[in-house]
């Protein structure tokens, strides 16, 4: 089992602690690769559109982005972690996700993502954990991932782990352990099911790509969809 972890901060605080509790249940059976942001993707997307119009490998930050993508595509399970900063994921996480705009379904989604599974872990002192998780889930769903679990926590006490009431800590630990054991029990030789919503997005974009191809047969995204056979009968998921 291969796991890729994208940490939205380099800080070893409560989010790090929660992530470690989750991973501790999987370590014996897993090959885990972790990236820490912004260290492992320190640059902002410049909006130059070279990835959209030409080739993602020509991105000024390709050395960082492609290293992360390679590991994610090879992974059985993706784990994203982020504390909530003003009700959203960290700026470093947003900056990394921006670099993968070319992998959104209206452009060139990777077929591997349609069968992928992901877990998002977020926390906030108050109510921002869920909205931070939503930031990340939004991108993952447009990559084609349907099987996404979230573990979002409200601390409601302190930002230091040892100062959080024992009952509260136990409750958070229980949810993480249960989620980890559920993910450990998955048969990763079988891709996750693709949801009706994901399929609907795909078919809407498929129609759009067919139209764009009529206007410009050399359009990069159209050529990608055509090469994968998605404009014909091939689909990036396995039909049940």
Protein backbone atom coordinates (compact mmCIF):
# COMPACT_ATOMS: atom_id res chain seq x y z
CA UNK A 1 0.00 0.00 0.00
CA UNK A 2 1.41 3.36 -1.03
CA UNK A 3 0.36 6.57 0.71
CA UNK A 4 1.19 10.12 -0.33
CA UNK A 5 0.71 12.81 2.32
CA UNK A 6 0.50 16.52 1.49
CA UNK A 7 0.98 18.61 4.63
CA UNK A 8 -0.38 22.14 4.32
CA UNK A 9 2.17 23.46 6.81
CA UNK A 10 5.68 22.62 8.02
CA UNK A 11 4.66 23.31 11.60
CA UNK A 12 4.56 20.32 13.94
CA UNK A 13 1.44 21.42 15.79
CA UNK A 14 -1.98 19.89 16.34
CA UNK A 15 -2.59 19.14 12.65
CA UNK A 16 0.70 17.26 12.57
CA UNK A 17 -0.29 15.36 15.72
CA UNK A 18 -3.65 14.37 14.22
CA UNK A 19 -1.97 13.23 11.01
CA UNK A 20 0.52 11.11 12.97
CA UNK A 21 -2.29 9.42 14.91
CA UNK A 22 -3.93 8.54 11.59
CA UNK A 23 -0.72 7.27 9.98
CA UNK A 24 0.35 5.25 13.02
CA UNK A 25 -2.48 2.83 12.25
CA UNK A 26 -1.12 2.30 8.73
CA UNK A 27 2.65 2.37 9.03
CA UNK A 28 3.23 -1.36 9.28
CA UNK A 29 1.49 -2.02 5.97
CA UNK A 30 2.32 1.13 4.02
CA UNK A 31 5.04 2.87 2.07
CA UNK A 32 4.50 6.52 3.04
CA UNK A 33 5.85 9.55 1.18
CA UNK A 34 5.26 12.98 2.69
CA UNK A 35 5.50 16.48 1.28
CA UNK A 36 5.57 19.56 3.48
CA UNK A 37 4.37 22.90 2.19
CA UNK A 38 5.67 25.38 1.31
CA UNK A 39 9.07 23.64 1.49
CA UNK A 40 8.32 21.10 -1.24
CA UNK A 41 6.39 23.48 -3.50
CA UNK A 42 7.63 26.94 -2.55
CA UNK A 43 6.54 28.96 -5.59
CA UNK A 44 3.21 30.52 -6.53
CA UNK A 45 1.42 29.75 -9.78
CA UNK A 46 2.08 32.73 -12.07
CA UNK A 47 -1.05 32.23 -14.15
CA UNK A 48 1.04 32.05 -17.31
CA UNK A 49 -1.27 29.32 -18.75
CA UNK A 50 1.67 27.42 -20.27
CA UNK A 51 0.38 24.23 -18.59
CA UNK A 52 -3.08 24.72 -20.10
CA UNK A 53 -2.07 25.73 -23.59
CA UNK A 54 1.17 23.82 -24.11
CA UNK A 55 2.77 21.39 -21.65
CA UNK A 56 2.76 21.13 -17.84
CA UNK A 57 6.43 20.15 -17.95
CA UNK A 58 7.23 23.66 -19.20
CA UNK A 59 5.86 25.23 -16.01
CA UNK A 60 8.47 27.34 -14.23
CA UNK A 61 7.83 25.21 -11.12
CA UNK A 62 7.69 21.83 -12.86
CA UNK A 63 10.50 20.40 -10.75
CA UNK A 64 8.29 20.67 -7.67
CA UNK A 65 4.89 20.03 -9.23
CA UNK A 66 5.87 16.97 -11.24
CA UNK A 67 7.63 15.35 -8.27
CA UNK A 68 4.43 15.66 -6.24
CA UNK A 69 2.22 14.50 -9.10
CA UNK A 70 4.35 11.42 -9.83
CA UNK A 71 4.04 10.29 -6.23
CA UNK A 72 0.30 11.01 -6.08
CA UNK A 73 -0.39 9.05 -9.26
CA UNK A 74 1.51 6.05 -7.90
CA UNK A 75 -0.21 6.16 -4.51
CA UNK A 76 -3.16 4.03 -3.42
CA UNK A 77 -4.25 6.60 -0.83
CA UNK A 78 -3.83 10.38 -0.76
CA UNK A 79 -3.84 12.23 2.56
CA UNK A 80 -4.15 16.03 2.74
CA UNK A 81 -3.74 17.91 6.01
CA UNK A 82 -4.24 21.56 6.84
CA UNK A 83 -5.07 23.73 9.81
CA UNK A 84 -7.73 26.33 9.04
CA UNK A 85 -6.37 29.81 8.40
CA UNK A 86 -9.26 32.32 8.46
CA UNK A 87 -11.75 29.55 7.59
CA UNK A 88 -9.68 28.23 4.66
CA UNK A 89 -6.83 25.86 3.90
CA UNK A 90 -3.35 27.31 4.28
CA UNK A 91 -1.98 29.59 1.59
CA UNK A 92 0.73 27.03 0.90
CA UNK A 93 -1.88 24.35 0.22
CA UNK A 94 -3.82 26.70 -2.06
CA UNK A 95 -0.62 27.59 -3.92
CA UNK A 96 0.11 23.91 -4.54
CA UNK A 97 -3.44 23.14 -5.66
CA UNK A 98 -3.30 26.09 -8.07
CA UNK A 99 -0.40 24.41 -9.85
CA UNK A 100 -2.66 21.44 -10.63
CA UNK A 101 -5.27 23.48 -12.47
CA UNK A 102 -4.31 21.65 -15.65
CA UNK A 103 -5.47 18.40 -14.01
CA UNK A 104 -9.00 19.71 -13.51
CA UNK A 105 -11.58 17.88 -15.59
CA UNK A 106 -12.14 20.73 -18.10
CA UNK A 107 -8.47 20.35 -19.05
CA UNK A 108 -6.40 17.15 -18.77
CA UNK A 109 -7.44 15.01 -15.79
CA UNK A 110 -5.27 11.98 -15.03
CA UNK A 111 -7.21 8.75 -15.50
CA UNK A 112 -5.53 7.33 -12.38
CA UNK A 113 -7.33 9.86 -10.20
CA UNK A 114 -10.79 8.49 -11.04
CA UNK A 115 -10.15 5.36 -8.97
CA UNK A 116 -8.15 7.05 -6.23
CA UNK A 117 -9.09 7.35 -2.55
CA UNK A 118 -8.32 10.36 -0.35
CA UNK A 119 -8.56 11.45 3.27
CA UNK A 120 -8.55 15.11 4.34
CA UNK A 121 -7.60 16.06 7.91
CA UNK A 122 -8.25 19.60 9.14
CA UNK A 123 -8.70 21.38 12.44
CA UNK A 124 -9.47 24.81 13.81
CA UNK A 125 -10.04 26.37 17.20
CA UNK A 126 -13.60 27.16 16.11
CA UNK A 127 -15.66 26.38 13.03
CA UNK A 128 -13.16 26.69 10.17
CA UNK A 129 -12.12 23.06 9.83
CA UNK A 130 -14.96 22.06 7.53
CA UNK A 131 -14.51 25.01 5.17
CA UNK A 132 -10.76 24.31 5.03
CA UNK A 133 -11.51 20.70 4.08
CA UNK A 134 -13.97 21.93 1.45
CA UNK A 135 -11.18 23.97 -0.20
CA UNK A 136 -9.15 20.81 -0.69
CA UNK A 137 -12.09 18.55 -1.56
CA UNK A 138 -13.17 20.94 -4.29
CA UNK A 139 -9.92 20.42 -6.18
CA UNK A 140 -9.81 16.66 -5.60
CA UNK A 141 -13.34 16.20 -6.91
CA UNK A 142 -12.48 18.10 -10.09
CA UNK A 143 -9.40 15.90 -10.49
CA UNK A 144 -11.86 13.00 -10.75
CA UNK A 145 -11.63 11.61 -7.20
CA UNK A 146 -14.96 10.44 -5.80
CA UNK A 147 -13.92 8.51 -2.66
CA UNK A 148 -13.00 11.36 -0.30
CA UNK A 149 -13.28 11.12 3.49
CA UNK A 150 -12.87 14.14 5.76
CA UNK A 151 -11.86 14.33 9.41
CA UNK A 152 -12.47 17.93 10.53
CA UNK A 153 -12.16 18.91 14.16
CA UNK A 154 -13.22 21.84 16.35
CA UNK A 155 -10.77 22.22 19.22
CA UNK A 156 -12.91 24.70 21.17
CA UNK A 157 -10.35 24.89 23.97
CA UNK A 158 -6.68 25.49 23.16
CA UNK A 159 -4.19 25.33 20.30
CA UNK A 160 -1.76 23.19 22.31
CA UNK A 161 -2.41 19.43 22.20
CA UNK A 162 -1.52 18.84 25.85
CA UNK A 163 -3.94 21.56 26.96
CA UNK A 164 -6.93 20.08 25.14
CA UNK A 165 -9.22 18.22 27.59
CA UNK A 166 -8.50 14.49 27.67
CA UNK A 167 -12.08 13.61 26.68
CA UNK A 168 -11.81 15.84 23.60
CA UNK A 169 -8.47 14.37 22.60
CA UNK A 170 -9.84 10.85 22.98
CA UNK A 171 -12.79 11.65 20.74
CA UNK A 172 -10.54 13.02 17.99
CA UNK A 173 -8.16 10.08 18.29
CA UNK A 174 -11.05 7.62 18.06
CA UNK A 175 -12.33 9.12 14.81
CA UNK A 176 -8.87 9.12 13.25
CA UNK A 177 -8.13 5.54 14.29
CA UNK A 178 -11.49 4.32 13.00
CA UNK A 179 -10.95 6.10 9.68
CA UNK A 180 -7.42 4.73 9.36
CA UNK A 181 -8.57 1.17 10.07
CA UNK A 182 -11.32 1.57 7.50
CA UNK A 183 -8.76 2.68 4.93
CA UNK A 184 -6.41 -0.14 5.88
CA UNK A 185 -9.18 -2.68 5.23
CA UNK A 186 -9.74 -1.47 1.66
CA UNK A 187 -8.78 -3.74 -1.23
CA UNK A 188 -6.58 -1.36 -3.21
CA UNK A 189 -6.32 -3.74 -6.15
CA UNK A 190 -9.84 -2.52 -6.98
CA UNK A 191 -10.29 1.17 -7.88
CA UNK A 192 -12.80 3.21 -5.94
CA UNK A 193 -16.22 3.63 -7.53
CA UNK A 194 -16.78 6.79 -9.54
CA UNK A 195 -19.80 8.76 -8.34
CA UNK A 196 -22.70 9.91 -10.51
CA UNK A 197 -21.68 13.53 -9.86
CA UNK A 198 -18.15 12.90 -11.13
CA UNK A 199 -19.51 11.13 -14.20
CA UNK A 200 -21.89 14.02 -14.85
CA UNK A 201 -19.01 16.48 -14.75
CA UNK A 202 -17.07 14.26 -17.13
CA UNK A 203 -19.88 14.08 -19.69
CA UNK A 204 -20.47 17.83 -19.57
CA UNK A 205 -16.77 18.48 -20.17
CA UNK A 206 -16.68 15.76 -22.85
CA UNK A 207 -19.33 17.66 -24.81
CA UNK A 208 -17.37 20.88 -24.34
CA UNK A 209 -14.15 19.26 -25.58
CA UNK A 210 -15.85 17.91 -28.67
CA UNK A 211 -17.02 21.42 -29.50
CA UNK A 212 -13.60 22.94 -28.91
CA UNK A 213 -12.04 20.31 -31.14
CA UNK A 214 -14.27 21.30 -34.04
CA UNK A 215 -13.10 24.89 -33.70
CA UNK A 216 -9.43 24.01 -33.24
CA UNK A 217 -8.27 20.38 -33.78
CA UNK A 218 -4.82 21.30 -32.46
CA UNK A 219 -6.14 22.55 -29.10
CA UNK A 220 -4.02 20.88 -26.40
CA UNK A 221 -6.84 19.68 -24.14
CA UNK A 222 -8.92 18.37 -27.06
CA UNK A 223 -5.96 16.35 -28.37
CA UNK A 224 -5.47 14.88 -24.88
CA UNK A 225 -9.12 13.81 -24.62
CA UNK A 226 -9.05 12.38 -28.13
CA UNK A 227 -5.82 10.48 -27.49
CA UNK A 228 -7.34 8.88 -24.37
CA UNK A 229 -10.40 7.82 -26.35
CA UNK A 230 -12.73 9.74 -24.05
CA UNK A 231 -14.52 11.38 -26.96
CA UNK A 232 -15.44 7.89 -28.13
CA UNK A 233 -16.43 4.99 -25.85
CA UNK A 234 -13.42 4.83 -23.51
CA UNK A 235 -13.91 6.13 -19.96
CA UNK A 236 -11.30 6.86 -17.25
CA UNK A 237 -13.16 4.67 -14.75
CA UNK A 238 -13.97 0.97 -14.73
CA UNK A 239 -17.62 0.22 -15.34
CA UNK A 240 -19.14 -2.01 -12.65
